[in-house]
Amino acid sequence: MTDVVDSDELLRRMQRARTCARREEEAWRARSLGLRTSDPEGAREATVRWLAYETVLSVLDEILTPGSHPTEG
């Protein structure tokens, strides 16, 4: 069954998602940089995850604070 949520709850959920994405992006960035010399393949995988979370974070930032972030295009 699908829950119906109001706009305030939706905003809170998106803010929590942004906080989570920020933590994950930082963790994967640190892991990527830490593995560069000891495990190049692991560093590449960590970099892909880092960039994925960076993208998610960018999208959530734009949704939650429209126009306050530079866009490409």
N, C-alpha and C. Protein backbone atom coordinates (compact mmCIF):
# COMPACT_ATOMS: atom_id res chain seq x y z
N MET A 1 0.84 -1.18 0.00
CA MET A 1 0.00 0.00 0.00
C MET A 1 0.88 1.25 0.00
N THR A 2 0.51 2.23 -0.73
CA THR A 2 1.27 3.46 -0.85
C THR A 2 0.81 4.47 0.18
N ASP A 3 1.78 5.07 0.88
CA ASP A 3 1.46 6.12 1.84
C ASP A 3 1.30 7.44 1.11
N VAL A 4 0.34 8.22 1.55
CA VAL A 4 0.16 9.57 1.04
C VAL A 4 0.83 10.51 2.04
N VAL A 5 1.71 11.38 1.53
CA VAL A 5 2.42 12.30 2.41
C VAL A 5 2.15 13.73 1.96
N ASP A 6 2.17 14.63 2.93
CA ASP A 6 1.98 16.03 2.59
C ASP A 6 3.31 16.65 2.16
N SER A 7 3.26 17.87 1.70
CA SER A 7 4.46 18.53 1.15
C SER A 7 5.54 18.72 2.21
N ASP A 8 5.16 18.97 3.46
CA ASP A 8 6.16 19.13 4.52
C ASP A 8 6.92 17.83 4.76
N GLU A 9 6.19 16.72 4.75
CA GLU A 9 6.85 15.42 4.95
C GLU A 9 7.74 15.09 3.76
N LEU A 10 7.29 15.40 2.57
CA LEU A 10 8.10 15.17 1.38
C LEU A 10 9.38 15.98 1.44
N LEU A 11 9.28 17.22 1.87
CA LEU A 11 10.45 18.07 2.03
C LEU A 11 11.42 17.49 3.06
N ARG A 12 10.90 17.04 4.19
CA ARG A 12 11.76 16.42 5.22
C ARG A 12 12.47 15.19 4.68
N ARG A 13 11.77 14.38 3.93
CA ARG A 13 12.37 13.17 3.37
C ARG A 13 13.48 13.51 2.37
N MET A 14 13.24 14.51 1.57
CA MET A 14 14.27 14.91 0.60
C MET A 14 15.48 15.52 1.31
N GLN A 15 15.26 16.25 2.39
CA GLN A 15 16.37 16.80 3.16
C GLN A 15 17.19 15.68 3.81
N ARG A 16 16.50 14.66 4.33
CA ARG A 16 17.22 13.51 4.89
C ARG A 16 18.00 12.78 3.81
N ALA A 17 17.41 12.65 2.64
CA ALA A 17 18.10 12.01 1.52
C ALA A 17 19.34 12.80 1.13
N ARG A 18 19.24 14.13 1.13
CA ARG A 18 20.39 14.97 0.80
C ARG A 18 21.50 14.80 1.84
N THR A 19 21.13 14.74 3.11
CA THR A 19 22.13 14.54 4.17
C THR A 19 22.82 13.19 4.00
N CYS A 20 22.03 12.17 3.72
CA CYS A 20 22.59 10.83 3.51
C CYS A 20 23.51 10.82 2.28
N ALA A 21 23.08 11.43 1.20
CA ALA A 21 23.90 11.48 -0.02
C ALA A 21 25.21 12.22 0.23
N ARG A 22 25.16 13.27 1.02
CA ARG A 22 26.37 14.04 1.34
C ARG A 22 27.37 13.16 2.12
N ARG A 23 26.86 12.42 3.11
CA ARG A 23 27.74 11.53 3.89
C ARG A 23 28.35 10.45 3.00
N GLU A 24 27.53 9.85 2.15
CA GLU A 24 28.03 8.80 1.26
C GLU A 24 29.04 9.35 0.26
N GLU A 25 28.76 10.52 -0.28
CA GLU A 25 29.69 11.13 -1.24
C GLU A 25 31.05 11.38 -0.58
N GLU A 26 31.04 11.88 0.63
CA GLU A 26 32.29 12.13 1.35
C GLU A 26 33.03 10.84 1.66
N ALA A 27 32.29 9.80 2.06
CA ALA A 27 32.92 8.51 2.38
C ALA A 27 33.55 7.87 1.15
N TRP A 28 32.83 7.88 0.03
CA TRP A 28 33.37 7.27 -1.19
C TRP A 28 34.54 8.09 -1.75
N ARG A 29 34.48 9.41 -1.60
CA ARG A 29 35.62 10.24 -2.04
C ARG A 29 36.87 9.88 -1.23
N ALA A 30 36.70 9.80 0.07
CA ALA A 30 37.84 9.46 0.93
C ALA A 30 38.38 8.08 0.60
N ARG A 31 37.47 7.14 0.38
CA ARG A 31 37.89 5.77 0.03
C ARG A 31 38.63 5.76 -1.30
N SER A 32 38.12 6.49 -2.27
CA SER A 32 38.77 6.56 -3.58
C SER A 32 40.18 7.10 -3.46
N LEU A 33 40.31 8.21 -2.76
CA LEU A 33 41.63 8.82 -2.61
C LEU A 33 42.57 7.94 -1.81
N GLY A 34 42.04 7.23 -0.82
CA GLY A 34 42.87 6.36 0.01
C GLY A 34 43.35 5.11 -0.70
N LEU A 35 42.62 4.66 -1.70
CA LEU A 35 42.96 3.42 -2.40
C LEU A 35 43.80 3.63 -3.66
N ARG A 36 44.06 4.84 -4.04
CA ARG A 36 44.73 5.11 -5.32
C ARG A 36 46.03 4.34 -5.50
N THR A 37 46.86 4.31 -4.49
CA THR A 37 48.16 3.64 -4.65
C THR A 37 48.10 2.16 -4.32
N SER A 38 47.28 1.77 -3.36
CA SER A 38 47.27 0.37 -2.92
C SER A 38 46.34 -0.52 -3.72
N ASP A 39 45.26 0.01 -4.26
CA ASP A 39 44.26 -0.79 -4.96
C ASP A 39 43.61 0.04 -6.06
N PRO A 40 44.28 0.16 -7.21
CA PRO A 40 43.76 1.01 -8.29
C PRO A 40 42.35 0.60 -8.76
N GLU A 41 42.06 -0.68 -8.83
CA GLU A 41 40.73 -1.13 -9.26
C GLU A 41 39.67 -0.72 -8.23
N GLY A 42 39.98 -0.91 -6.96
CA GLY A 42 39.07 -0.48 -5.90
C GLY A 42 38.87 1.03 -5.91
N ALA A 43 39.94 1.75 -6.21
CA ALA A 43 39.86 3.22 -6.28
C ALA A 43 38.94 3.64 -7.42
N ARG A 44 39.02 2.94 -8.56
CA ARG A 44 38.14 3.27 -9.70
C ARG A 44 36.67 3.03 -9.33
N GLU A 45 36.40 1.90 -8.69
CA GLU A 45 35.02 1.62 -8.28
C GLU A 45 34.52 2.67 -7.28
N ALA A 46 35.37 3.02 -6.32
CA ALA A 46 35.00 4.03 -5.34
C ALA A 46 34.77 5.38 -6.02
N THR A 47 35.55 5.69 -7.04
CA THR A 47 35.38 6.96 -7.76
C THR A 47 34.03 6.99 -8.48
N VAL A 48 33.64 5.87 -9.07
CA VAL A 48 32.33 5.81 -9.75
C VAL A 48 31.22 6.05 -8.74
N ARG A 49 31.32 5.43 -7.58
CA ARG A 49 30.29 5.62 -6.55
C ARG A 49 30.31 7.06 -6.03
N TRP A 50 31.50 7.60 -5.86
CA TRP A 50 31.65 8.99 -5.42
C TRP A 50 30.92 9.92 -6.39
N LEU A 51 31.18 9.73 -7.69
CA LEU A 51 30.56 10.59 -8.70
C LEU A 51 29.05 10.39 -8.76
N ALA A 52 28.59 9.17 -8.55
CA ALA A 52 27.15 8.92 -8.54
C ALA A 52 26.48 9.67 -7.39
N TYR A 53 27.08 9.60 -6.20
CA TYR A 53 26.50 10.33 -5.06
C TYR A 53 26.63 11.84 -5.25
N GLU A 54 27.70 12.27 -5.88
CA GLU A 54 27.86 13.69 -6.16
C GLU A 54 26.73 14.18 -7.08
N THR A 55 26.36 13.36 -8.04
CA THR A 55 25.27 13.70 -8.96
C THR A 55 23.94 13.74 -8.23
N VAL A 56 23.68 12.73 -7.41
CA VAL A 56 22.44 12.70 -6.63
C VAL A 56 22.36 13.93 -5.74
N LEU A 57 23.46 14.25 -5.10
CA LEU A 57 23.51 15.41 -4.21
C LEU A 57 23.23 16.70 -4.99
N SER A 58 23.78 16.81 -6.17
CA SER A 58 23.55 17.99 -7.00
C SER A 58 22.07 18.12 -7.38
N VAL A 59 21.45 17.01 -7.73
CA VAL A 59 20.03 17.04 -8.10
C VAL A 59 19.18 17.42 -6.89
N LEU A 60 19.43 16.80 -5.75
CA LEU A 60 18.66 17.12 -4.55
C LEU A 60 18.86 18.57 -4.13
N ASP A 61 20.09 19.07 -4.24
CA ASP A 61 20.34 20.47 -3.92
C ASP A 61 19.53 21.39 -4.82
N GLU A 62 19.48 21.07 -6.10
CA GLU A 62 18.73 21.92 -7.04
C GLU A 62 17.23 21.86 -6.76
N ILE A 63 16.73 20.70 -6.38
CA ILE A 63 15.31 20.58 -6.05
C ILE A 63 14.97 21.37 -4.79
N LEU A 64 15.83 21.25 -3.78
CA LEU A 64 15.54 21.87 -2.49
C LEU A 64 15.87 23.36 -2.45
N THR A 65 16.85 23.78 -3.25
CA THR A 65 17.22 25.21 -3.29
C THR A 65 17.42 25.60 -4.74
N PRO A 66 16.34 25.74 -5.50
CA PRO A 66 16.42 26.02 -6.94
C PRO A 66 17.20 27.29 -7.26
N GLY A 67 18.06 27.18 -8.26
CA GLY A 67 18.78 28.33 -8.74
C GLY A 67 19.99 28.76 -7.92
N SER A 68 20.24 28.11 -6.81
CA SER A 68 21.36 28.53 -5.98
C SER A 68 22.66 27.79 -6.32
N HIS A 69 22.60 26.91 -7.29
CA HIS A 69 23.78 26.13 -7.69
C HIS A 69 24.02 26.29 -9.18
N PRO A 70 25.28 26.40 -9.56
CA PRO A 70 25.58 26.54 -11.00
C PRO A 70 25.16 25.29 -11.75
N THR A 71 24.63 25.47 -12.93
CA THR A 71 24.22 24.33 -13.77
C THR A 71 25.06 24.32 -15.02
N GLU A 72 25.21 23.13 -15.58
CA GLU A 72 25.94 23.00 -16.83
C GLU A 72 24.94 23.04 -17.97
N GLY A 73 25.40 23.44 -19.11
CA GLY A 73 24.49 23.32 -20.20
C GLY A 73 24.56 24.39 -21.16
